[in-house]
Protein backbone atom coordinates (compact mmCIF):
# COMPACT_ATOMS: atom_id res chain seq x y z
CA MET A 1 19.89 -8.93 8.54
CA ASP A 2 16.70 -8.28 10.53
CA MET A 3 14.62 -11.38 9.83
CA ASN A 4 11.48 -9.59 11.05
CA ILE A 5 11.74 -7.37 7.97
CA VAL A 6 11.92 -10.38 5.68
CA ILE A 7 9.05 -12.16 7.43
CA ASP A 8 6.84 -9.05 7.39
CA GLU A 9 7.43 -8.62 3.67
CA ALA A 10 6.60 -12.26 2.97
CA GLU A 11 3.40 -12.01 5.04
CA LYS A 12 2.31 -8.87 3.18
CA GLN A 13 2.89 -10.48 -0.21
CA SER A 14 1.03 -13.62 0.86
CA ALA A 15 -1.94 -11.63 2.15
CA LYS A 16 -2.07 -9.66 -1.06
CA LYS A 17 -2.02 -12.76 -3.26
CA THR A 18 -4.73 -14.52 -1.23
CA GLY A 19 -6.99 -11.47 -1.24
CA LEU A 20 -6.88 -10.88 2.51
CA MET A 21 -5.76 -7.28 1.96
CA LYS A 22 -8.70 -5.45 0.33
CA LYS A 23 -7.59 -2.55 -1.84
CA PRO A 24 -9.93 0.46 -1.80
CA SER A 25 -11.61 1.37 -5.07
CA ARG A 26 -10.48 4.34 -7.18
CA ALA A 27 -13.68 6.17 -6.20
CA GLU A 28 -12.88 5.65 -2.51
CA ALA A 29 -9.33 6.91 -3.05
CA GLU A 30 -10.57 10.04 -4.86
CA ALA A 31 -13.12 10.67 -2.10
CA ALA A 32 -10.28 10.50 0.45
CA VAL A 33 -8.34 13.16 -1.48
CA LYS A 34 -11.43 15.40 -1.54
CA THR A 35 -11.69 15.00 2.24
CA LEU A 36 -8.05 16.02 2.70
CA ILE A 37 -8.51 19.08 0.48
CA GLY A 38 -11.49 20.15 2.56
CA TRP A 39 -9.59 19.44 5.79
CA ALA A 40 -6.73 21.63 4.53
CA GLY A 41 -9.22 24.48 4.25
CA ASP A 42 -10.01 24.66 0.54
CA ASP A 43 -13.03 23.86 -1.60
CA PRO A 44 -12.56 20.60 -3.56
CA THR A 45 -15.31 21.66 -5.99
CA ARG A 46 -13.65 24.87 -7.18
CA GLU A 47 -12.28 24.96 -10.73
CA GLY A 48 -8.61 24.61 -9.89
CA LEU A 49 -9.22 21.59 -7.63
CA ILE A 50 -12.09 19.77 -9.29
CA ASP A 51 -9.77 17.33 -11.12
CA THR A 52 -7.14 17.14 -8.37
CA PRO A 53 -8.44 13.89 -6.77
CA ASP A 54 -8.09 12.09 -10.12
CA ARG A 55 -4.61 13.55 -10.64
CA VAL A 56 -3.48 12.58 -7.14
CA VAL A 57 -4.70 9.00 -7.53
CA ARG A 58 -2.92 8.67 -10.87
CA ALA A 59 0.23 10.09 -9.30
CA TYR A 60 -0.05 7.57 -6.47
CA GLU A 61 -0.24 4.78 -9.04
CA GLU A 62 3.22 5.88 -10.19
CA PHE A 63 4.65 6.63 -6.74
CA PHE A 64 3.64 3.24 -5.34
CA ALA A 65 3.89 1.00 -8.40
CA GLY A 66 6.27 -1.24 -6.46
CA TYR A 67 3.36 -2.94 -4.71
CA GLU A 68 2.31 -4.42 -8.06
CA GLU A 69 5.70 -5.98 -8.83
CA ASP A 70 7.61 -8.95 -7.44
CA PRO A 71 11.35 -8.19 -7.07
CA ASP A 72 12.17 -11.91 -7.01
CA GLU A 73 10.80 -12.32 -10.53
CA VAL A 74 13.08 -9.56 -11.81
CA LEU A 75 16.11 -11.62 -10.79
CA THR A 76 14.99 -14.95 -12.23
CA LYS A 77 16.88 -14.60 -15.54
CA THR A 78 20.61 -14.97 -14.99
CA PHE A 79 23.63 -15.75 -17.16
CA GLU A 80 26.21 -18.44 -16.42
CA GLU A 81 28.67 -17.46 -19.16
CA VAL A 82 30.86 -15.21 -17.03
CA GLU A 83 34.24 -16.45 -18.35
CA GLY A 84 35.59 -16.87 -14.84
CA TYR A 85 34.77 -13.32 -13.72
CA ASP A 86 34.70 -13.33 -9.92
CA ASP A 87 35.21 -9.70 -8.92
CA MET A 88 32.86 -6.90 -7.98
CA VAL A 89 29.98 -5.80 -10.22
CA MET A 90 28.88 -2.31 -9.23
CA LEU A 91 26.20 0.22 -10.11
CA ARG A 92 26.87 3.70 -8.81
CA ASP A 93 24.67 6.80 -8.49
CA ILE A 94 21.27 5.19 -9.06
CA ASP A 95 18.62 7.87 -8.61
CA LEU A 96 16.21 6.91 -5.85
CA GLU A 97 12.73 8.30 -5.19
CA SER A 98 10.67 6.87 -2.36
CA HIS A 99 8.12 7.99 0.22
CA CYS A 100 8.37 7.97 4.00
CA GLU A 101 5.81 5.69 5.62
CA HIS A 102 5.46 8.06 8.58
CA HIS A 103 4.45 11.26 6.73
CA MET A 104 4.02 10.09 3.12
CA VAL A 105 6.44 12.69 1.79
CA ALA A 106 9.38 12.22 -0.55
CA ILE A 107 12.72 10.53 0.11
CA LEU A 108 15.17 11.61 -2.61
CA GLY A 109 18.71 10.37 -3.04
CA LYS A 110 21.17 7.93 -4.58
CA ALA A 111 21.81 4.22 -4.22
CA HIS A 112 25.11 2.42 -4.83
CA ILE A 113 25.10 -1.35 -5.08
CA ALA A 114 27.62 -4.10 -5.79
CA TYR A 115 27.81 -7.86 -5.69
CA VAL A 116 30.47 -10.49 -6.30
CA PRO A 117 29.00 -13.28 -8.46
CA THR A 118 29.53 -16.95 -7.90
CA THR A 119 28.70 -18.83 -11.12
CA ARG A 120 26.06 -16.53 -12.59
CA VAL A 121 25.37 -12.87 -13.16
CA VAL A 122 22.20 -10.87 -13.74
CA GLY A 123 21.56 -8.09 -16.22
CA ILE A 124 22.75 -4.88 -14.57
CA SER A 125 19.46 -3.10 -15.21
CA LYS A 126 17.77 -5.71 -13.01
CA LEU A 127 19.69 -4.50 -9.95
CA ALA A 128 18.41 -0.99 -10.51
CA ARG A 129 14.94 -2.39 -11.06
CA VAL A 130 14.92 -4.17 -7.70
CA ILE A 131 15.90 -0.91 -6.01
CA GLU A 132 13.10 0.90 -7.82
CA ILE A 133 10.48 -1.68 -6.85
CA TYR A 134 11.23 -1.37 -3.15
CA ALA A 135 11.57 2.41 -3.40
CA LYS A 136 8.10 2.70 -4.91
CA ARG A 137 6.47 1.61 -1.68
CA LEU A 138 5.89 3.36 1.63
CA GLN A 139 9.15 2.81 3.46
CA THR A 140 11.68 3.69 6.04
CA GLN A 141 15.14 3.96 4.51
CA GLU A 142 16.47 1.36 6.93
CA THR A 143 13.84 -1.22 5.92
CA MET A 144 14.29 -0.50 2.22
CA THR A 145 18.05 -0.98 2.48
CA ALA A 146 17.67 -4.31 4.24
CA GLN A 147 15.00 -5.56 1.81
CA ILE A 148 17.01 -4.74 -1.30
CA ALA A 149 20.20 -6.41 -0.04
CA GLU A 150 18.34 -9.46 1.27
CA THR A 151 16.49 -9.99 -2.00
CA ILE A 152 19.63 -9.83 -4.14
CA ASN A 153 21.55 -12.02 -1.71
CA ARG A 154 18.79 -14.64 -1.62
CA CYS A 155 17.99 -14.73 -5.34
CA LEU A 156 21.52 -14.61 -6.76
CA ALA A 157 23.41 -16.40 -3.96
CA PRO A 158 26.52 -14.29 -4.65
CA GLN A 159 29.73 -14.20 -2.65
CA GLY A 160 28.45 -10.96 -1.14
CA VAL A 161 26.29 -7.86 -1.57
CA ALA A 162 27.10 -4.26 -0.67
CA LEU A 163 24.53 -1.46 -0.65
CA LEU A 164 24.71 2.17 0.39
CA ILE A 165 21.78 4.59 0.18
CA GLU A 166 22.18 8.32 0.78
CA ALA A 167 18.98 10.35 0.76
CA LYS A 168 17.23 13.45 2.03
CA HIS A 169 13.85 13.09 3.71
CA GLN A 170 11.26 15.82 3.22
CA CYS A 171 9.72 14.85 6.56
CA MET A 172 12.92 16.37 7.99
CA THR A 173 13.88 18.98 5.37
CA THR A 174 10.51 20.70 4.80
CA ARG A 175 8.66 20.10 8.08
CA GLY A 176 9.40 19.45 11.72
CA ILE A 177 13.03 20.29 12.45
CA LYS A 178 13.50 21.70 8.89
CA LYS A 179 17.15 20.89 8.27
CA PRO A 180 17.43 20.96 4.45
CA ASP A 181 21.08 19.89 4.13
CA VAL A 182 20.91 16.73 6.24
CA ALA A 183 21.26 13.40 4.40
CA THR A 184 20.57 9.98 5.87
CA ILE A 185 23.02 7.20 5.00
CA THR A 186 22.22 3.51 5.41
CA THR A 187 24.33 0.50 4.47
CA GLN A 188 23.99 -3.25 4.26
CA PHE A 189 26.85 -5.71 3.69
CA THR A 190 26.69 -9.48 3.29
CA GLY A 191 29.22 -12.22 2.57
CA VAL A 192 32.68 -11.05 1.51
CA PHE A 193 31.76 -7.39 1.97
CA LYS A 194 30.86 -8.06 5.59
CA ASP A 195 33.69 -10.48 6.36
CA ASP A 196 36.57 -8.78 4.53
CA PRO A 197 37.26 -5.12 5.47
CA ARG A 198 39.30 -4.73 2.27
CA MET A 199 36.23 -5.46 0.12
CA GLU A 200 34.14 -2.97 2.06
CA GLN A 201 36.91 -0.39 1.63
CA ARG A 202 37.11 -1.02 -2.14
CA PHE A 203 33.35 -0.57 -2.39
CA MET A 204 33.48 2.76 -0.56
CA GLN A 205 36.40 3.94 -2.70
CA MET A 206 34.59 3.05 -5.91
CA ILE A 207 31.56 5.03 -4.78
CA ARG A 208 33.84 8.08 -4.55
CA GLY A 209 35.23 7.36 -8.00
CA TYR A 210 38.76 6.19 -7.20
């Protein structure tokens, strides 16, 4: 685990809570969109574009809603009545939509996550929610993968966490090198998934459905 990623995230959250990071107003955001439209070569005052700045800002509120949520809080409610269950809990094929922090274009793919509980489990929807919170921020896939695994590992203290993300980046598929069929795969393993090759192998087999 890259501790710089964890520290940077903690510093950003602290700055946000203490008001050191000043968020631009909606009017400022809409003015920025108008500037980009003009820079692209069009007239932001023409009929088809007059409401575009408002639409873009509202879309950004959805795309980047993860900045307004705390993933740790999502994992606070756990259940201890597991009846001795101590094997893998897995969610497969979670749709993932994020945005590249370098070009602010879409990252689209799937996430597969598993953990082995100790004495408590969390509602399975909460795992997907943590993934969504980190995805709805400007990201690199590598950072997002590390943040998700670290958060679940820290909050649940399981025997281990396994995460695989496979996604296509529009900064590569629709611009630059323009290779539409290339997917980026990132993984993060902790605990038993990192220490026991058989557990990692089981995780990979379950992703494939056998």
